[in-house]
């Protein structure tokens, strides 16, 4: 016996599963859509970092003087410098 193809929504509705979990969201016009939030971060590639900086950072990590990875260490240092210079 071949069954007619019926949408999953119609099948669940007929079986009494209910509408809550399978209800399709209505399509809104473009004017109803909220504008996306402005991006608060930007990616940046640094030109060249001397390997001695990587080695010095690794030495700090080995001596448990920092738990930050290299990228976060750079961000923290940049934030501290900007605060000291009065930019933040």
PDB file of N, CA and C in Angstrom:
ATOM      1  N   UNK A   1       0.841  -1.166   0.000  1.00  0.00           N
ATOM      2  CA  UNK A   1       0.000   0.000   0.000  1.00  0.00           C
ATOM      3  C   UNK A   1       0.893   1.238   0.000  1.00  0.00           C
ATOM      4  N   UNK A   2       0.736   2.067  -1.002  1.00  0.00           N
ATOM      5  CA  UNK A   2       1.545   3.262  -1.138  1.00  0.00           C
ATOM      6  C   UNK A   2       0.833   4.436  -0.473  1.00  0.00           C
ATOM      7  N   UNK A   3       1.577   5.166   0.382  1.00  0.00           N
ATOM      8  CA  UNK A   3       0.997   6.327   1.060  1.00  0.00           C
ATOM      9  C   UNK A   3       1.205   7.570   0.209  1.00  0.00           C
ATOM     10  N   UNK A   4       0.252   8.477   0.312  1.00  0.00           N
ATOM     11  CA  UNK A   4       0.415   9.770  -0.339  1.00  0.00           C
ATOM     12  C   UNK A   4       1.463  10.566   0.432  1.00  0.00           C
ATOM     13  N   UNK A   5       2.240  11.335  -0.302  1.00  0.00           N
ATOM     14  CA  UNK A   5       3.235  12.169   0.356  1.00  0.00           C
ATOM     15  C   UNK A   5       2.530  13.339   1.029  1.00  0.00           C
ATOM     16  N   UNK A   6       2.750  13.473   2.319  1.00  0.00           N
ATOM     17  CA  UNK A   6       2.149  14.546   3.110  1.00  0.00           C
ATOM     18  C   UNK A   6       3.278  15.195   3.901  1.00  0.00           C
ATOM     19  N   UNK A   7       3.153  16.484   4.109  1.00  0.00           N
ATOM     20  CA  UNK A   7       4.202  17.169   4.855  1.00  0.00           C
ATOM     21  C   UNK A   7       4.263  16.641   6.284  1.00  0.00           C
ATOM     22  N   UNK A   8       5.414  16.728   6.870  1.00  0.00           N
ATOM     23  CA  UNK A   8       5.615  16.287   8.243  1.00  0.00           C
ATOM     24  C   UNK A   8       4.693  17.050   9.184  1.00  0.00           C
ATOM     25  N   UNK A   9       4.518  18.323   8.910  1.00  0.00           N
ATOM     26  CA  UNK A   9       3.637  19.157   9.735  1.00  0.00           C
ATOM     27  C   UNK A   9       2.204  18.632   9.695  1.00  0.00           C
ATOM     28  N   UNK A  10       1.701  18.334   8.510  1.00  0.00           N
ATOM     29  CA  UNK A  10       0.331  17.838   8.375  1.00  0.00           C
ATOM     30  C   UNK A  10       0.172  16.473   9.032  1.00  0.00           C
ATOM     31  N   UNK A  11       1.168  15.609   8.896  1.00  0.00           N
ATOM     32  CA  UNK A  11       1.115  14.284   9.507  1.00  0.00           C
ATOM     33  C   UNK A  11       1.079  14.391  11.025  1.00  0.00           C
ATOM     34  N   UNK A  12       1.936  15.213  11.594  1.00  0.00           N
ATOM     35  CA  UNK A  12       1.973  15.373  13.046  1.00  0.00           C
ATOM     36  C   UNK A  12       0.689  16.006  13.554  1.00  0.00           C
ATOM     37  N   UNK A  13       0.151  16.945  12.807  1.00  0.00           N
ATOM     38  CA  UNK A  13      -1.096  17.601  13.202  1.00  0.00           C
ATOM     39  C   UNK A  13      -2.240  16.594  13.201  1.00  0.00           C
ATOM     40  N   UNK A  14      -2.275  15.722  12.207  1.00  0.00           N
ATOM     41  CA  UNK A  14      -3.332  14.714  12.114  1.00  0.00           C
ATOM     42  C   UNK A  14      -3.192  13.656  13.205  1.00  0.00           C
ATOM     43  N   UNK A  15      -1.958  13.357  13.614  1.00  0.00           N
ATOM     44  CA  UNK A  15      -1.728  12.356  14.655  1.00  0.00           C
ATOM     45  C   UNK A  15      -1.928  12.912  16.056  1.00  0.00           C
ATOM     46  N   UNK A  16      -2.213  14.191  16.166  1.00  0.00           N
ATOM     47  CA  UNK A  16      -2.467  14.785  17.471  1.00  0.00           C
ATOM     48  C   UNK A  16      -1.214  15.115  18.259  1.00  0.00           C
ATOM     49  N   UNK A  17      -0.093  15.222  17.584  1.00  0.00           N
ATOM     50  CA  UNK A  17       1.145  15.573  18.277  1.00  0.00           C
ATOM     51  C   UNK A  17       1.055  16.996  18.806  1.00  0.00           C
ATOM     52  N   UNK A  18       0.373  17.838  18.106  1.00  0.00           N
ATOM     53  CA  UNK A  18       0.241  19.229  18.534  1.00  0.00           C
ATOM     54  C   UNK A  18       0.992  20.156  17.612  1.00  0.00           C
ATOM     55  N   UNK A  19       0.738  21.423  17.769  1.00  0.00           N
ATOM     56  CA  UNK A  19       1.318  22.413  16.868  1.00  0.00           C
ATOM     57  C   UNK A  19       2.580  23.068  17.407  1.00  0.00           C
ATOM     58  N   UNK A  20       2.796  23.046  18.700  1.00  0.00           N
ATOM     59  CA  UNK A  20       3.844  23.860  19.306  1.00  0.00           C
ATOM     60  C   UNK A  20       5.237  23.575  18.748  1.00  0.00           C
ATOM     61  N   UNK A  21       5.628  22.321  18.676  1.00  0.00           N
ATOM     62  CA  UNK A  21       6.988  22.013  18.257  1.00  0.00           C
ATOM     63  C   UNK A  21       7.183  22.068  16.750  1.00  0.00           C
ATOM     64  N   UNK A  22       6.115  21.965  15.996  1.00  0.00           N
ATOM     65  CA  UNK A  22       6.249  21.904  14.547  1.00  0.00           C
ATOM     66  C   UNK A  22       5.685  23.123  13.838  1.00  0.00           C
ATOM     67  N   UNK A  23       5.324  24.126  14.594  1.00  0.00           N
ATOM     68  CA  UNK A  23       4.732  25.306  13.977  1.00  0.00           C
ATOM     69  C   UNK A  23       5.789  26.047  13.162  1.00  0.00           C
ATOM     70  N   UNK A  24       5.405  26.439  11.985  1.00  0.00           N
ATOM     71  CA  UNK A  24       6.305  27.145  11.093  1.00  0.00           C
ATOM     72  C   UNK A  24       6.218  28.628  11.406  1.00  0.00           C
ATOM     73  N   UNK A  25       7.384  29.265  11.507  1.00  0.00           N
ATOM     74  CA  UNK A  25       7.400  30.697  11.768  1.00  0.00           C
ATOM     75  C   UNK A  25       6.882  31.446  10.556  1.00  0.00           C
ATOM     76  N   UNK A  26       6.034  32.438  10.769  1.00  0.00           N
ATOM     77  CA  UNK A  26       5.532  33.211   9.630  1.00  0.00           C
ATOM     78  C   UNK A  26       6.648  34.060   9.025  1.00  0.00           C
ATOM     79  N   UNK A  27       6.561  34.261   7.746  1.00  0.00           N
ATOM     80  CA  UNK A  27       7.551  35.076   7.053  1.00  0.00           C
ATOM     81  C   UNK A  27       7.169  36.536   7.233  1.00  0.00           C
ATOM     82  N   UNK A  28       8.120  37.331   7.711  1.00  0.00           N
ATOM     83  CA  UNK A  28       7.881  38.753   7.924  1.00  0.00           C
ATOM     84  C   UNK A  28       8.437  39.541   6.744  1.00  0.00           C
ATOM     85  N   UNK A  29       7.890  40.688   6.547  1.00  0.00           N
ATOM     86  CA  UNK A  29       8.421  41.545   5.488  1.00  0.00           C
ATOM     87  C   UNK A  29       9.770  42.089   5.940  1.00  0.00           C
ATOM     88  N   UNK A  30      10.539  42.582   5.009  1.00  0.00           N
ATOM     89  CA  UNK A  30      11.871  43.080   5.330  1.00  0.00           C
ATOM     90  C   UNK A  30      11.829  44.272   6.272  1.00  0.00           C
ATOM     91  N   UNK A  31      10.729  45.010   6.306  1.00  0.00           N
ATOM     92  CA  UNK A  31      10.646  46.159   7.203  1.00  0.00           C
ATOM     93  C   UNK A  31      10.476  45.727   8.651  1.00  0.00           C
ATOM     94  N   UNK A  32       9.985  44.511   8.893  1.00  0.00           N
ATOM     95  CA  UNK A  32       9.801  44.030  10.256  1.00  0.00           C
ATOM     96  C   UNK A  32      11.088  43.484  10.861  1.00  0.00           C
ATOM     97  N   UNK A  33      12.073  43.192  10.029  1.00  0.00           N
ATOM     98  CA  UNK A  33      13.303  42.598  10.529  1.00  0.00           C
ATOM     99  C   UNK A  33      14.137  43.647  11.250  1.00  0.00           C
ATOM    100  N   UNK A  34      14.648  43.296  12.433  1.00  0.00           N
ATOM    101  CA  UNK A  34      15.519  44.249  13.126  1.00  0.00           C
ATOM    102  C   UNK A  34      16.853  44.358  12.399  1.00  0.00           C
ATOM    103  N   UNK A  35      17.479  45.499  12.504  1.00  0.00           N
ATOM    104  CA  UNK A  35      18.773  45.666  11.873  1.00  0.00           C
ATOM    105  C   UNK A  35      19.803  44.888  12.680  1.00  0.00           C
ATOM    106  N   UNK A  36      20.735  44.234  12.024  1.00  0.00           N
ATOM    107  CA  UNK A  36      21.735  43.461  12.757  1.00  0.00           C
ATOM    108  C   UNK A  36      22.604  44.378  13.614  1.00  0.00           C
ATOM    109  N   UNK A  37      23.056  43.852  14.740  1.00  0.00           N
ATOM    110  CA  UNK A  37      23.893  44.632  15.643  1.00  0.00           C
ATOM    111  C   UNK A  37      25.231  44.928  14.972  1.00  0.00           C
ATOM    112  N   UNK A  38      25.756  46.100  15.262  1.00  0.00           N
ATOM    113  CA  UNK A  38      27.043  46.482  14.705  1.00  0.00           C
ATOM    114  C   UNK A  38      28.136  45.621  15.330  1.00  0.00           C
ATOM    115  N   UNK A  39      29.042  45.178  14.521  1.00  0.00           N
ATOM    116  CA  UNK A  39      30.120  44.314  14.994  1.00  0.00           C
ATOM    117  C   UNK A  39      31.021  45.094  15.942  1.00  0.00           C
ATOM    118  N   UNK A  40      31.291  44.518  17.096  1.00  0.00           N
ATOM    119  CA  UNK A  40      32.067  45.191  18.128  1.00  0.00           C
ATOM    120  C   UNK A  40      33.551  44.843  18.102  1.00  0.00           C
ATOM    121  N   UNK A  41      33.949  43.909  17.265  1.00  0.00           N
ATOM    122  CA  UNK A  41      35.356  43.523  17.168  1.00  0.00           C
ATOM    123  C   UNK A  41      35.767  43.471  15.704  1.00  0.00           C
ATOM    124  N   UNK A  42      37.059  43.591  15.481  1.00  0.00           N
ATOM    125  CA  UNK A  42      37.606  43.446  14.135  1.00  0.00           C
ATOM    126  C   UNK A  42      38.830  42.552  14.211  1.00  0.00           C
ATOM    127  N   UNK A  43      39.019  41.748  13.192  1.00  0.00           N
ATOM    128  CA  UNK A  43      40.217  40.926  13.146  1.00  0.00           C
ATOM    129  C   UNK A  43      41.352  41.752  12.570  1.00  0.00           C
ATOM    130  N   UNK A  44      42.544  41.468  13.016  1.00  0.00           N
ATOM    131  CA  UNK A  44      43.708  42.203  12.544  1.00  0.00           C
ATOM    132  C   UNK A  44      44.886  41.257  12.498  1.00  0.00           C
ATOM    133  N   UNK A  45      45.589  41.259  11.407  1.00  0.00           N
ATOM    134  CA  UNK A  45      46.798  40.465  11.279  1.00  0.00           C
ATOM    135  C   UNK A  45      47.989  41.380  11.523  1.00  0.00           C
ATOM    136  N   UNK A  46      48.835  40.983  12.452  1.00  0.00           N
ATOM    137  CA  UNK A  46      50.030  41.774  12.737  1.00  0.00           C
ATOM    138  C   UNK A  46      51.090  41.464  11.693  1.00  0.00           C
ATOM    139  N   UNK A  47      51.889  42.459  11.367  1.00  0.00           N
ATOM    140  CA  UNK A  47      52.863  42.297  10.293  1.00  0.00           C
ATOM    141  C   UNK A  47      53.919  41.258  10.633  1.00  0.00           C
ATOM    142  N   UNK A  48      54.734  41.529  11.620  1.00  0.00           N
ATOM    143  CA  UNK A  48      55.798  40.584  11.967  1.00  0.00           C
ATOM    144  C   UNK A  48      56.080  40.711  13.454  1.00  0.00           C
ATOM    145  N   UNK A  49      56.088  39.593  14.127  1.00  0.00           N
ATOM    146  CA  UNK A  49      56.383  39.570  15.557  1.00  0.00           C
ATOM    147  C   UNK A  49      57.686  38.802  15.718  1.00  0.00           C
ATOM    148  N   UNK A  50      58.667  39.414  16.367  1.00  0.00           N
ATOM    149  CA  UNK A  50      59.937  38.709  16.558  1.00  0.00           C
ATOM    150  C   UNK A  50      59.741  37.416  17.348  1.00  0.00           C
ATOM    151  N   UNK A  51      60.488  36.404  16.984  1.00  0.00           N
ATOM    152  CA  UNK A  51      60.362  35.121  17.678  1.00  0.00           C
ATOM    153  C   UNK A  51      60.771  35.235  19.140  1.00  0.00           C
ATOM    154  N   UNK A  52      61.606  36.214  19.462  1.00  0.00           N
ATOM    155  CA  UNK A  52      62.008  36.387  20.863  1.00  0.00           C
ATOM    156  C   UNK A  52      60.799  36.732  21.735  1.00  0.00           C
ATOM    157  N   UNK A  53      59.779  37.397  21.160  1.00  0.00           N
ATOM    158  CA  UNK A  53      58.559  37.707  21.917  1.00  0.00           C
ATOM    159  C   UNK A  53      57.787  36.430  22.231  1.00  0.00           C
ATOM    160  N   UNK A  54      57.737  35.527  21.258  1.00  0.00           N
ATOM    161  CA  UNK A  54      57.079  34.245  21.496  1.00  0.00           C
ATOM    162  C   UNK A  54      57.816  33.462  22.580  1.00  0.00           C
ATOM    163  N   UNK A  55      59.145  33.480  22.503  1.00  0.00           N
ATOM    164  CA  UNK A  55      59.947  32.760  23.487  1.00  0.00           C
ATOM    165  C   UNK A  55      59.773  33.352  24.879  1.00  0.00           C
ATOM    166  N   UNK A  56      59.770  34.685  24.977  1.00  0.00           N
ATOM    167  CA  UNK A  56      59.592  35.345  26.271  1.00  0.00           C
ATOM    168  C   UNK A  56      58.214  35.038  26.848  1.00  0.00           C
ATOM    169  N   UNK A  57      57.205  35.030  25.998  1.00  0.00           N
ATOM    170  CA  UNK A  57      55.853  34.704  26.465  1.00  0.00           C
ATOM    171  C   UNK A  57      55.794  33.260  26.945  1.00  0.00           C
ATOM    172  N   UNK A  58      56.420  32.359  26.214  1.00  0.00           N
ATOM    173  CA  UNK A  58      56.421  30.953  26.632  1.00  0.00           C
ATOM    174  C   UNK A  58      57.128  30.779  27.970  1.00  0.00           C
ATOM    175  N   UNK A  59      58.205  31.549  28.191  1.00  0.00           N
ATOM    176  CA  UNK A  59      58.912  31.483  29.466  1.00  0.00           C
ATOM    177  C   UNK A  59      57.989  31.934  30.603  1.00  0.00           C
ATOM    178  N   UNK A  60      57.195  32.986  30.369  1.00  0.00           N
ATOM    179  CA  UNK A  60      56.224  33.435  31.373  1.00  0.00           C
ATOM    180  C   UNK A  60      55.200  32.346  31.665  1.00  0.00           C
ATOM    181  N   UNK A  61      54.738  31.690  30.631  1.00  0.00           N
ATOM    182  CA  UNK A  61      53.754  30.612  30.826  1.00  0.00           C
ATOM    183  C   UNK A  61      54.365  29.439  31.579  1.00  0.00           C
ATOM    184  N   UNK A  62      55.599  29.108  31.247  1.00  0.00           N
ATOM    185  CA  UNK A  62      56.273  27.997  31.924  1.00  0.00           C
ATOM    186  C   UNK A  62      56.479  28.281  33.407  1.00  0.00           C
ATOM    187  N   UNK A  63      56.699  29.556  33.758  1.00  0.00           N
ATOM    188  CA  UNK A  63      56.909  29.958  35.155  1.00  0.00           C
ATOM    189  C   UNK A  63      55.605  30.345  35.846  1.00  0.00           C
ATOM    190  N   UNK A  64      54.479  30.072  35.194  1.00  0.00           N
ATOM    191  CA  UNK A  64      53.142  30.378  35.742  1.00  0.00           C
ATOM    192  C   UNK A  64      52.959  31.855  36.085  1.00  0.00           C
ATOM    193  N   UNK A  65      53.563  32.733  35.300  1.00  0.00           N
ATOM    194  CA  UNK A  65      53.384  34.171  35.509  1.00  0.00           C
ATOM    195  C   UNK A  65      52.235  34.716  34.678  1.00  0.00           C
ATOM    196  N   UNK A  66      51.750  33.924  33.720  1.00  0.00           N
ATOM    197  CA  UNK A  66      50.557  34.274  32.954  1.00  0.00           C
ATOM    198  C   UNK A  66      49.862  32.989  32.522  1.00  0.00           C
ATOM    199  N   UNK A  67      48.564  33.091  32.441  1.00  0.00           N
ATOM    200  CA  UNK A  67      47.780  31.966  31.942  1.00  0.00           C
ATOM    201  C   UNK A  67      47.203  32.265  30.578  1.00  0.00           C
ATOM    202  N   UNK A  68      47.501  33.462  30.075  1.00  0.00           N
ATOM    203  CA  UNK A  68      46.943  33.892  28.795  1.00  0.00           C
ATOM    204  C   UNK A  68      47.712  33.295  27.628  1.00  0.00           C
ATOM    205  N   UNK A  69      46.981  32.955  26.564  1.00  0.00           N
ATOM    206  CA  UNK A  69      47.674  32.555  25.346  1.00  0.00           C
ATOM    207  C   UNK A  69      48.243  33.815  24.698  1.00  0.00           C
ATOM    208  N   UNK A  70      49.028  33.645  23.656  1.00  0.00           N
ATOM    209  CA  UNK A  70      49.757  34.778  23.086  1.00  0.00           C
ATOM    210  C   UNK A  70      48.826  35.877  22.577  1.00  0.00           C
ATOM    211  N   UNK A  71      47.743  35.507  21.900  1.00  0.00           N
ATOM    212  CA  UNK A  71      46.810  36.511  21.370  1.00  0.00           C
ATOM    213  C   UNK A  71      46.167  37.314  22.489  1.00  0.00           C
ATOM    214  N   UNK A  72      45.698  36.631  23.525  1.00  0.00           N
ATOM    215  CA  UNK A  72      45.073  37.335  24.642  1.00  0.00           C
ATOM    216  C   UNK A  72      46.086  38.156  25.426  1.00  0.00           C
ATOM    217  N   UNK A  73      47.321  37.695  25.475  1.00  0.00           N
ATOM    218  CA  UNK A  73      48.380  38.453  26.134  1.00  0.00           C
ATOM    219  C   UNK A  73      48.615  39.774  25.393  1.00  0.00           C
ATOM    220  N   UNK A  74      48.624  39.715  24.068  1.00  0.00           N
ATOM    221  CA  UNK A  74      48.779  40.932  23.264  1.00  0.00           C
ATOM    222  C   UNK A  74      47.604  41.877  23.513  1.00  0.00           C
ATOM    223  N   UNK A  75      46.380  41.346  23.528  1.00  0.00           N
ATOM    224  CA  UNK A  75      45.203  42.191  23.765  1.00  0.00           C
ATOM    225  C   UNK A  75      45.263  42.860  25.129  1.00  0.00           C
ATOM    226  N   UNK A  76      45.666  42.120  26.146  1.00  0.00           N
ATOM    227  CA  UNK A  76      45.767  42.685  27.492  1.00  0.00           C
ATOM    228  C   UNK A  76      46.833  43.773  27.542  1.00  0.00           C
ATOM    229  N   UNK A  77      47.973  43.534  26.911  1.00  0.00           N
ATOM    230  CA  UNK A  77      49.039  44.531  26.880  1.00  0.00           C
ATOM    231  C   UNK A  77      48.592  45.785  26.132  1.00  0.00           C
ATOM    232  N   UNK A  78      47.872  45.609  25.051  1.00  0.00           N
ATOM    233  CA  UNK A  78      47.365  46.743  24.285  1.00  0.00           C
ATOM    234  C   UNK A  78      46.363  47.551  25.102  1.00  0.00           C
ATOM    235  N   UNK A  79      45.466  46.849  25.811  1.00  0.00           N
ATOM    236  CA  UNK A  79      44.489  47.536  26.653  1.00  0.00           C
ATOM    237  C   UNK A  79      45.191  48.340  27.745  1.00  0.00           C
ATOM    238  N   UNK A  80      46.189  47.736  28.409  1.00  0.00           N
ATOM    239  CA  UNK A  80      46.927  48.439  29.459  1.00  0.00           C
ATOM    240  C   UNK A  80      47.623  49.677  28.903  1.00  0.00           C
ATOM    241  N   UNK A  81      48.237  49.562  27.753  1.00  0.00           N
ATOM    242  CA  UNK A  81      48.942  50.695  27.133  1.00  0.00           C
ATOM    243  C   UNK A  81      47.966  51.809  26.768  1.00  0.00           C
ATOM    244  N   UNK A  82      46.809  51.452  26.208  1.00  0.00           N
ATOM    245  CA  UNK A  82      45.812  52.464  25.854  1.00  0.00           C
ATOM    246  C   UNK A  82      45.271  53.165  27.098  1.00  0.00           C
ATOM    247  N   UNK A  83      45.077  52.431  28.186  1.00  0.00           N
ATOM    248  CA  UNK A  83      44.634  53.058  29.438  1.00  0.00           C
ATOM    249  C   UNK A  83      45.699  54.003  29.971  1.00  0.00           C
ATOM    250  N   UNK A  84      46.946  53.572  29.939  1.00  0.00           N
ATOM    251  CA  UNK A  84      48.043  54.397  30.443  1.00  0.00           C
ATOM    252  C   UNK A  84      48.189  55.675  29.616  1.00  0.00           C
ATOM    253  N   UNK A  85      47.943  55.590  28.319  1.00  0.00           N
ATOM    254  CA  UNK A  85      48.047  56.762  27.446  1.00  0.00           C
ATOM    255  C   UNK A  85      46.791  57.621  27.466  1.00  0.00           C
ATOM    256  N   UNK A  86      45.770  57.183  28.201  1.00  0.00           N
ATOM    257  CA  UNK A  86      44.550  57.975  28.336  1.00  0.00           C
ATOM    258  C   UNK A  86      43.559  57.811  27.204  1.00  0.00           C
ATOM    259  N   UNK A  87      43.732  56.799  26.377  1.00  0.00           N
ATOM    260  CA  UNK A  87      42.813  56.602  25.253  1.00  0.00           C
ATOM    261  C   UNK A  87      41.571  55.822  25.665  1.00  0.00           C
ATOM    262  N   UNK A  88      41.650  55.083  26.763  1.00  0.00           N
ATOM    263  CA  UNK A  88      40.490  54.327  27.254  1.00  0.00           C
ATOM    264  C   UNK A  88      40.046  54.857  28.594  1.00  0.00           C
TER     265      UNK A  88
END
